[in-house]
PDB file of all heavy atoms in Angstrom:
ATOM      1  N   GLN A   1       4.416 -34.026  64.757  1.00  0.00           N
ATOM      2  CA  GLN A   1       4.127 -34.154  66.195  1.00  0.00           C
ATOM      3  C   GLN A   1       3.070 -33.183  66.693  1.00  0.00           C
ATOM      4  O   GLN A   1       2.525 -33.311  67.809  1.00  0.00           O
ATOM      5  CB  GLN A   1       5.321 -34.125  67.073  1.00  0.00           C
ATOM      6  CG  GLN A   1       6.064 -32.769  66.997  1.00  0.00           C
ATOM      7  CD  GLN A   1       7.097 -32.691  65.954  1.00  0.00           C
ATOM      8  OE1 GLN A   1       7.047 -33.441  64.938  1.00  0.00           O
ATOM      9  NE2 GLN A   1       8.095 -31.815  66.123  1.00  0.00           N
ATOM     10  N   ARG A   2       2.774 -32.172  65.854  1.00  0.00           N
ATOM     11  CA  ARG A   2       1.768 -31.203  66.208  1.00  0.00           C
ATOM     12  C   ARG A   2       0.357 -31.538  65.724  1.00  0.00           C
ATOM     13  O   ARG A   2      -0.583 -30.809  65.923  1.00  0.00           O
ATOM     14  CB  ARG A   2       2.143 -29.799  65.685  1.00  0.00           C
ATOM     15  CG  ARG A   2       3.323 -29.118  66.359  1.00  0.00           C
ATOM     16  CD  ARG A   2       2.985 -28.616  67.714  1.00  0.00           C
ATOM     17  NE  ARG A   2       4.075 -27.925  68.383  1.00  0.00           N
ATOM     18  CZ  ARG A   2       4.264 -26.595  68.348  1.00  0.00           C
ATOM     19  NH1 ARG A   2       3.420 -25.853  67.688  1.00  0.00           N
ATOM     20  NH2 ARG A   2       5.261 -26.058  68.999  1.00  0.00           N
ATOM     21  N   ILE A   3       0.227 -32.706  65.127  1.00  0.00           N
ATOM     22  CA  ILE A   3      -0.996 -33.165  64.491  1.00  0.00           C
ATOM     23  C   ILE A   3      -1.443 -34.474  65.145  1.00  0.00           C
ATOM     24  O   ILE A   3      -0.708 -35.457  65.188  1.00  0.00           O
ATOM     25  CB  ILE A   3      -0.909 -33.375  62.987  1.00  0.00           C
ATOM     26  CG1 ILE A   3      -0.391 -32.008  62.328  1.00  0.00           C
ATOM     27  CG2 ILE A   3      -2.185 -33.767  62.394  1.00  0.00           C
ATOM     28  CD1 ILE A   3       0.052 -32.200  60.931  1.00  0.00           C
ATOM     29  N   VAL A   4      -2.653 -34.558  65.665  1.00  0.00           N
ATOM     30  CA  VAL A   4      -3.160 -35.712  66.288  1.00  0.00           C
ATOM     31  C   VAL A   4      -4.473 -36.205  65.545  1.00  0.00           C
ATOM     32  O   VAL A   4      -5.303 -35.353  65.357  1.00  0.00           O
ATOM     33  CB  VAL A   4      -3.528 -35.543  67.779  1.00  0.00           C
ATOM     34  CG1 VAL A   4      -4.125 -36.750  68.395  1.00  0.00           C
ATOM     35  CG2 VAL A   4      -2.241 -35.115  68.510  1.00  0.00           C
ATOM     36  N   GLY A   5      -4.542 -37.420  65.175  1.00  0.00           N
ATOM     37  CA  GLY A   5      -5.722 -38.011  64.512  1.00  0.00           C
ATOM     38  C   GLY A   5      -6.522 -38.812  65.465  1.00  0.00           C
ATOM     39  O   GLY A   5      -6.037 -39.738  66.076  1.00  0.00           O
ATOM     40  N   VAL A   6      -7.764 -38.451  65.613  1.00  0.00           N
ATOM     41  CA  VAL A   6      -8.674 -39.179  66.571  1.00  0.00           C
ATOM     42  C   VAL A   6      -9.565 -40.092  65.707  1.00  0.00           C
ATOM     43  O   VAL A   6     -10.180 -39.677  64.684  1.00  0.00           O
ATOM     44  CB  VAL A   6      -9.599 -38.191  67.379  1.00  0.00           C
ATOM     45  CG1 VAL A   6     -10.659 -39.053  68.144  1.00  0.00           C
ATOM     46  CG2 VAL A   6      -8.769 -37.437  68.342  1.00  0.00           C
ATOM     47  N   GLU A   7      -9.602 -41.352  66.011  1.00  0.00           N
ATOM     48  CA  GLU A   7     -10.494 -42.338  65.446  1.00  0.00           C
ATOM     49  C   GLU A   7     -11.687 -42.498  66.309  1.00  0.00           C
ATOM     50  O   GLU A   7     -11.611 -43.124  67.330  1.00  0.00           O
ATOM     51  CB  GLU A   7      -9.766 -43.625  65.170  1.00  0.00           C
ATOM     52  CG  GLU A   7      -8.630 -43.566  64.171  1.00  0.00           C
ATOM     53  CD  GLU A   7      -7.918 -44.878  63.977  1.00  0.00           C
ATOM     54  OE1 GLU A   7      -8.611 -45.903  63.648  1.00  0.00           O
ATOM     55  OE2 GLU A   7      -6.690 -44.987  64.174  1.00  0.00           O
ATOM     56  N   THR A   8     -12.836 -41.981  65.900  1.00  0.00           N
ATOM     57  CA  THR A   8     -13.947 -41.876  66.800  1.00  0.00           C
ATOM     58  C   THR A   8     -14.752 -43.218  66.919  1.00  0.00           C
ATOM     59  O   THR A   8     -15.398 -43.427  67.858  1.00  0.00           O
ATOM     60  CB  THR A   8     -14.966 -40.790  66.293  1.00  0.00           C
ATOM     61  OG1 THR A   8     -15.458 -41.110  65.001  1.00  0.00           O
ATOM     62  CG2 THR A   8     -14.282 -39.434  66.276  1.00  0.00           C
ATOM     63  N   GLY A   9     -14.615 -44.057  65.849  1.00  0.00           N
ATOM     64  CA  GLY A   9     -15.353 -45.340  65.862  1.00  0.00           C
ATOM     65  C   GLY A   9     -16.877 -45.098  65.588  1.00  0.00           C
ATOM     66  O   GLY A   9     -17.603 -46.086  65.575  1.00  0.00           O
ATOM     67  N   GLY A  10     -17.279 -43.909  65.388  1.00  0.00           N
ATOM     68  CA  GLY A  10     -18.656 -43.597  65.080  1.00  0.00           C
ATOM     69  C   GLY A  10     -18.727 -42.201  64.424  1.00  0.00           C
ATOM     70  O   GLY A  10     -17.751 -41.680  64.076  1.00  0.00           O
ATOM     71  N   CYS A  11     -19.966 -41.684  64.440  1.00  0.00           N
ATOM     72  CA  CYS A  11     -20.071 -40.341  63.839  1.00  0.00           C
ATOM     73  C   CYS A  11     -19.214 -39.276  64.472  1.00  0.00           C
ATOM     74  O   CYS A  11     -19.258 -39.049  65.736  1.00  0.00           O
ATOM     75  CB  CYS A  11     -21.580 -39.902  64.015  1.00  0.00           C
ATOM     76  SG  CYS A  11     -21.858 -38.198  63.396  1.00  0.00           S
ATOM     77  N   PRO A  12     -18.285 -38.664  63.699  1.00  0.00           N
ATOM     78  CA  PRO A  12     -17.360 -37.707  64.273  1.00  0.00           C
ATOM     79  C   PRO A  12     -18.078 -36.549  64.937  1.00  0.00           C
ATOM     80  O   PRO A  12     -17.557 -35.892  65.846  1.00  0.00           O
ATOM     81  CB  PRO A  12     -16.544 -37.212  63.068  1.00  0.00           C
ATOM     82  CG  PRO A  12     -16.625 -38.301  62.070  1.00  0.00           C
ATOM     83  CD  PRO A  12     -18.019 -38.877  62.227  1.00  0.00           C
ATOM     84  N   HIS A  13     -19.282 -36.275  64.495  1.00  0.00           N
ATOM     85  CA  HIS A  13     -20.010 -35.108  65.081  1.00  0.00           C
ATOM     86  C   HIS A  13     -20.364 -35.350  66.542  1.00  0.00           C
ATOM     87  O   HIS A  13     -20.394 -34.416  67.342  1.00  0.00           O
ATOM     88  CB  HIS A  13     -21.289 -34.846  64.318  1.00  0.00           C
ATOM     89  CG  HIS A  13     -21.039 -34.464  62.812  1.00  0.00           C
ATOM     90  ND1 HIS A  13     -21.619 -35.173  61.811  1.00  0.00           N
ATOM     91  CD2 HIS A  13     -20.187 -33.535  62.317  1.00  0.00           C
ATOM     92  CE1 HIS A  13     -21.139 -34.604  60.658  1.00  0.00           C
ATOM     93  NE2 HIS A  13     -20.261 -33.710  60.944  1.00  0.00           N
ATOM     94  N   THR A  14     -20.661 -36.697  66.867  1.00  0.00           N
ATOM     95  CA  THR A  14     -20.895 -37.001  68.220  1.00  0.00           C
ATOM     96  C   THR A  14     -19.730 -36.702  69.093  1.00  0.00           C
ATOM     97  O   THR A  14     -19.907 -36.269  70.285  1.00  0.00           O
ATOM     98  CB  THR A  14     -21.308 -38.502  68.365  1.00  0.00           C
ATOM     99  OG1 THR A  14     -22.479 -38.708  67.594  1.00  0.00           O
ATOM    100  CG2 THR A  14     -21.575 -38.903  69.793  1.00  0.00           C
ATOM    101  N   ALA A  15     -18.517 -36.972  68.604  1.00  0.00           N
ATOM    102  CA  ALA A  15     -17.300 -36.770  69.408  1.00  0.00           C
ATOM    103  C   ALA A  15     -16.923 -35.315  69.563  1.00  0.00           C
ATOM    104  O   ALA A  15     -15.984 -35.056  70.416  1.00  0.00           O
ATOM    105  CB  ALA A  15     -16.144 -37.548  68.736  1.00  0.00           C
ATOM    106  N   ILE A  16     -17.581 -34.423  68.928  1.00  0.00           N
ATOM    107  CA  ILE A  16     -17.308 -33.011  69.093  1.00  0.00           C
ATOM    108  C   ILE A  16     -18.433 -32.285  69.728  1.00  0.00           C
ATOM    109  O   ILE A  16     -18.367 -31.102  70.015  1.00  0.00           O
ATOM    110  CB  ILE A  16     -16.799 -32.287  67.814  1.00  0.00           C
ATOM    111  CG1 ILE A  16     -17.835 -32.510  66.702  1.00  0.00           C
ATOM    112  CG2 ILE A  16     -15.475 -32.862  67.383  1.00  0.00           C
ATOM    113  CD1 ILE A  16     -18.824 -31.410  66.507  1.00  0.00           C
ATOM    114  N   ARG A  17     -19.588 -33.007  69.873  1.00  0.00           N
ATOM    115  CA  ARG A  17     -20.820 -32.341  70.454  1.00  0.00           C
ATOM    116  C   ARG A  17     -21.358 -33.026  71.671  1.00  0.00           C
ATOM    117  O   ARG A  17     -21.671 -32.407  72.638  1.00  0.00           O
ATOM    118  CB  ARG A  17     -21.839 -32.349  69.325  1.00  0.00           C
ATOM    119  CG  ARG A  17     -23.174 -31.785  69.692  1.00  0.00           C
ATOM    120  CD  ARG A  17     -24.193 -31.954  68.570  1.00  0.00           C
ATOM    121  NE  ARG A  17     -24.461 -33.331  68.285  1.00  0.00           N
ATOM    122  CZ  ARG A  17     -24.615 -33.868  67.080  1.00  0.00           C
ATOM    123  NH1 ARG A  17     -24.584 -33.098  65.991  1.00  0.00           N
ATOM    124  NH2 ARG A  17     -24.837 -35.135  66.895  1.00  0.00           N
ATOM    125  N   ASP A  18     -21.466 -34.365  71.641  1.00  0.00           N
ATOM    126  CA  ASP A  18     -22.115 -35.068  72.727  1.00  0.00           C
ATOM    127  C   ASP A  18     -21.191 -35.663  73.803  1.00  0.00           C
ATOM    128  O   ASP A  18     -21.399 -35.380  74.973  1.00  0.00           O
ATOM    129  CB  ASP A  18     -23.000 -36.216  72.162  1.00  0.00           C
ATOM    130  CG  ASP A  18     -23.994 -35.703  71.110  1.00  0.00           C
ATOM    131  OD1 ASP A  18     -24.558 -34.641  71.404  1.00  0.00           O
ATOM    132  OD2 ASP A  18     -24.273 -36.364  70.146  1.00  0.00           O
ATOM    133  N   ASP A  19     -20.233 -36.437  73.344  1.00  0.00           N
ATOM    134  CA  ASP A  19     -19.200 -36.953  74.283  1.00  0.00           C
ATOM    135  C   ASP A  19     -17.841 -36.495  73.724  1.00  0.00           C
ATOM    136  O   ASP A  19     -17.244 -37.156  72.777  1.00  0.00           O
ATOM    137  CB  ASP A  19     -19.263 -38.493  74.339  1.00  0.00           C
ATOM    138  CG  ASP A  19     -18.210 -39.057  75.265  1.00  0.00           C
ATOM    139  OD1 ASP A  19     -17.431 -38.262  75.855  1.00  0.00           O
ATOM    140  OD2 ASP A  19     -18.193 -40.272  75.346  1.00  0.00           O
ATOM    141  N   VAL A  20     -17.319 -35.413  74.292  1.00  0.00           N
ATOM    142  CA  VAL A  20     -16.124 -34.802  73.717  1.00  0.00           C
ATOM    143  C   VAL A  20     -14.790 -35.356  74.344  1.00  0.00           C
ATOM    144  O   VAL A  20     -13.750 -34.853  74.127  1.00  0.00           O
ATOM    145  CB  VAL A  20     -16.122 -33.253  73.939  1.00  0.00           C
ATOM    146  CG1 VAL A  20     -17.435 -32.712  73.273  1.00  0.00           C
ATOM    147  CG2 VAL A  20     -16.093 -32.910  75.420  1.00  0.00           C
ATOM    148  N   SER A  21     -14.955 -36.410  75.168  1.00  0.00           N
ATOM    149  CA  SER A  21     -13.815 -36.887  75.945  1.00  0.00           C
ATOM    150  C   SER A  21     -12.661 -37.315  75.118  1.00  0.00           C
ATOM    151  O   SER A  21     -11.462 -37.011  75.495  1.00  0.00           O
ATOM    152  CB  SER A  21     -14.241 -38.052  76.789  1.00  0.00           C
ATOM    153  OG  SER A  21     -14.785 -39.136  76.067  1.00  0.00           O
ATOM    154  N   MET A  22     -12.865 -37.999  73.920  1.00  0.00           N
ATOM    155  CA  MET A  22     -11.709 -38.342  73.086  1.00  0.00           C
ATOM    156  C   MET A  22     -10.900 -37.133  72.545  1.00  0.00           C
ATOM    157  O   MET A  22      -9.722 -37.151  72.504  1.00  0.00           O
ATOM    158  CB  MET A  22     -12.220 -39.183  71.885  1.00  0.00           C
ATOM    159  CG  MET A  22     -12.623 -40.664  72.190  1.00  0.00           C
ATOM    160  SD  MET A  22     -12.972 -41.572  70.759  1.00  0.00           S
ATOM    161  CE  MET A  22     -14.592 -40.934  70.354  1.00  0.00           C
ATOM    162  N   ASN A  23     -11.641 -36.079  72.200  1.00  0.00           N
ATOM    163  CA  ASN A  23     -10.992 -34.856  71.638  1.00  0.00           C
ATOM    164  C   ASN A  23     -10.273 -34.163  72.842  1.00  0.00           C
ATOM    165  O   ASN A  23      -9.217 -33.638  72.709  1.00  0.00           O
ATOM    166  CB  ASN A  23     -12.036 -34.004  71.017  1.00  0.00           C
ATOM    167  CG  ASN A  23     -12.258 -34.476  69.540  1.00  0.00           C
ATOM    168  OD1 ASN A  23     -11.379 -34.152  68.676  1.00  0.00           O
ATOM    169  ND2 ASN A  23     -13.338 -35.086  69.337  1.00  0.00           N
ATOM    170  N   ALA A  24     -10.955 -34.061  73.991  1.00  0.00           N
ATOM    171  CA  ALA A  24     -10.364 -33.397  75.106  1.00  0.00           C
ATOM    172  C   ALA A  24      -8.994 -34.102  75.485  1.00  0.00           C
ATOM    173  O   ALA A  24      -8.043 -33.342  75.789  1.00  0.00           O
ATOM    174  CB  ALA A  24     -11.344 -33.337  76.331  1.00  0.00           C
ATOM    175  N   LEU A  25      -9.025 -35.412  75.590  1.00  0.00           N
ATOM    176  CA  LEU A  25      -7.792 -36.150  75.852  1.00  0.00           C
ATOM    177  C   LEU A  25      -6.758 -35.890  74.825  1.00  0.00           C
ATOM    178  O   LEU A  25      -5.526 -35.808  75.166  1.00  0.00           O
ATOM    179  CB  LEU A  25      -8.181 -37.678  75.983  1.00  0.00           C
ATOM    180  CG  LEU A  25      -8.941 -38.050  77.268  1.00  0.00           C
ATOM    181  CD1 LEU A  25      -9.340 -39.532  77.168  1.00  0.00           C
ATOM    182  CD2 LEU A  25      -8.089 -37.844  78.449  1.00  0.00           C
ATOM    183  N   ALA A  26      -7.135 -35.877  73.554  1.00  0.00           N
ATOM    184  CA  ALA A  26      -6.196 -35.600  72.492  1.00  0.00           C
ATOM    185  C   ALA A  26      -5.515 -34.285  72.634  1.00  0.00           C
ATOM    186  O   ALA A  26      -4.306 -34.118  72.398  1.00  0.00           O
ATOM    187  CB  ALA A  26      -6.842 -35.748  71.071  1.00  0.00           C
ATOM    188  N   ILE A  27      -6.344 -33.201  73.003  1.00  0.00           N
ATOM    189  CA  ILE A  27      -5.761 -31.917  73.147  1.00  0.00           C
ATOM    190  C   ILE A  27      -4.786 -31.886  74.386  1.00  0.00           C
ATOM    191  O   ILE A  27      -3.702 -31.344  74.289  1.00  0.00           O
ATOM    192  CB  ILE A  27      -6.935 -30.851  73.398  1.00  0.00           C
ATOM    193  CG1 ILE A  27      -7.738 -30.689  72.162  1.00  0.00           C
ATOM    194  CG2 ILE A  27      -6.318 -29.511  73.837  1.00  0.00           C
ATOM    195  CD1 ILE A  27      -9.059 -29.988  72.357  1.00  0.00           C
ATOM    196  N   GLU A  28      -5.217 -32.517  75.461  1.00  0.00           N
ATOM    197  CA  GLU A  28      -4.369 -32.575  76.645  1.00  0.00           C
ATOM    198  C   GLU A  28      -3.070 -33.322  76.333  1.00  0.00           C
ATOM    199  O   GLU A  28      -1.978 -32.864  76.785  1.00  0.00           O
ATOM    200  CB  GLU A  28      -5.139 -33.265  77.728  1.00  0.00           C
ATOM    201  CG  GLU A  28      -6.289 -32.522  78.315  1.00  0.00           C
ATOM    202  CD  GLU A  28      -7.097 -33.251  79.356  1.00  0.00           C
ATOM    203  OE1 GLU A  28      -6.651 -34.404  79.781  1.00  0.00           O
ATOM    204  OE2 GLU A  28      -8.084 -32.725  79.843  1.00  0.00           O
ATOM    205  N   GLU A  29      -3.086 -34.394  75.575  1.00  0.00           N
ATOM    206  CA  GLU A  29      -1.886 -35.122  75.207  1.00  0.00           C
ATOM    207  C   GLU A  29      -0.994 -34.322  74.355  1.00  0.00           C
ATOM    208  O   GLU A  29       0.244 -34.256  74.497  1.00  0.00           O
ATOM    209  CB  GLU A  29      -2.303 -36.469  74.495  1.00  0.00           C
ATOM    210  CG  GLU A  29      -1.115 -37.181  73.865  1.00  0.00           C
ATOM    211  CD  GLU A  29      -0.027 -37.604  74.857  1.00  0.00           C
ATOM    212  OE1 GLU A  29      -0.309 -37.689  76.054  1.00  0.00           O
ATOM    213  OE2 GLU A  29       1.116 -37.842  74.438  1.00  0.00           O
ATOM    214  N   LEU A  30      -1.641 -33.617  73.372  1.00  0.00           N
ATOM    215  CA  LEU A  30      -0.888 -32.729  72.485  1.00  0.00           C
ATOM    216  C   LEU A  30      -0.077 -31.714  73.231  1.00  0.00           C
ATOM    217  O   LEU A  30       1.137 -31.443  73.035  1.00  0.00           O
ATOM    218  CB  LEU A  30      -1.800 -32.095  71.462  1.00  0.00           C
ATOM    219  CG  LEU A  30      -1.238 -31.277  70.336  1.00  0.00           C
ATOM    220  CD1 LEU A  30      -0.310 -32.082  69.431  1.00  0.00           C
ATOM    221  CD2 LEU A  30      -2.385 -30.660  69.500  1.00  0.00           C
ATOM    222  N   GLU A  31      -0.763 -31.070  74.233  1.00  0.00           N
ATOM    223  CA  GLU A  31      -0.104 -29.953  75.001  1.00  0.00           C
ATOM    224  C   GLU A  31       0.872 -30.558  75.997  1.00  0.00           C
ATOM    225  O   GLU A  31       1.842 -29.874  76.314  1.00  0.00           O
ATOM    226  CB  GLU A  31      -1.179 -29.106  75.614  1.00  0.00           C
ATOM    227  CG  GLU A  31      -1.964 -28.307  74.634  1.00  0.00           C
ATOM    228  CD  GLU A  31      -2.664 -27.116  75.310  1.00  0.00           C
ATOM    229  OE1 GLU A  31      -3.413 -27.348  76.242  1.00  0.00           O
ATOM    230  OE2 GLU A  31      -2.442 -25.998  74.829  1.00  0.00           O
ATOM    231  N   ARG A  32       0.681 -31.783  76.509  1.00  0.00           N
ATOM    232  CA  ARG A  32       1.622 -32.353  77.365  1.00  0.00           C
ATOM    233  C   ARG A  32       2.875 -32.674  76.631  1.00  0.00           C
ATOM    234  O   ARG A  32       4.009 -32.482  77.174  1.00  0.00           O
ATOM    235  CB  ARG A  32       1.021 -33.680  77.947  1.00  0.00           C
ATOM    236  CG  ARG A  32       1.928 -34.322  79.017  1.00  0.00           C
ATOM    237  CD  ARG A  32       1.524 -35.745  79.292  1.00  0.00           C
ATOM    238  NE  ARG A  32       1.644 -36.588  78.076  1.00  0.00           N
ATOM    239  CZ  ARG A  32       2.833 -37.049  77.733  1.00  0.00           C
ATOM    240  NH1 ARG A  32       3.941 -36.779  78.316  1.00  0.00           N
ATOM    241  NH2 ARG A  32       2.855 -37.828  76.593  1.00  0.00           N
ATOM    242  N   ARG A  33       2.690 -33.138  75.340  1.00  0.00           N
ATOM    243  CA  ARG A  33       3.884 -33.474  74.581  1.00  0.00           C
ATOM    244  C   ARG A  33       4.599 -32.321  74.027  1.00  0.00           C
ATOM    245  O   ARG A  33       5.860 -32.283  73.930  1.00  0.00           O
ATOM    246  CB  ARG A  33       3.366 -34.437  73.432  1.00  0.00           C
ATOM    247  CG  ARG A  33       4.479 -35.080  72.680  1.00  0.00           C
ATOM    248  CD  ARG A  33       3.848 -36.056  71.700  1.00  0.00           C
ATOM    249  NE  ARG A  33       3.142 -35.393  70.632  1.00  0.00           N
ATOM    250  CZ  ARG A  33       1.980 -35.821  70.084  1.00  0.00           C
ATOM    251  NH1 ARG A  33       1.456 -36.926  70.519  1.00  0.00           N
ATOM    252  NH2 ARG A  33       1.363 -35.196  69.163  1.00  0.00           N
TER     253      ARG A  33
END
């Protein structure tokens, strides 16, 4: 439950550099849970 896998659907580097919303939401969900 402390590990969250994000499926970016495209280049993972974009999801940590350009549009970080998927990762930000994953962090928020992890801490909420």
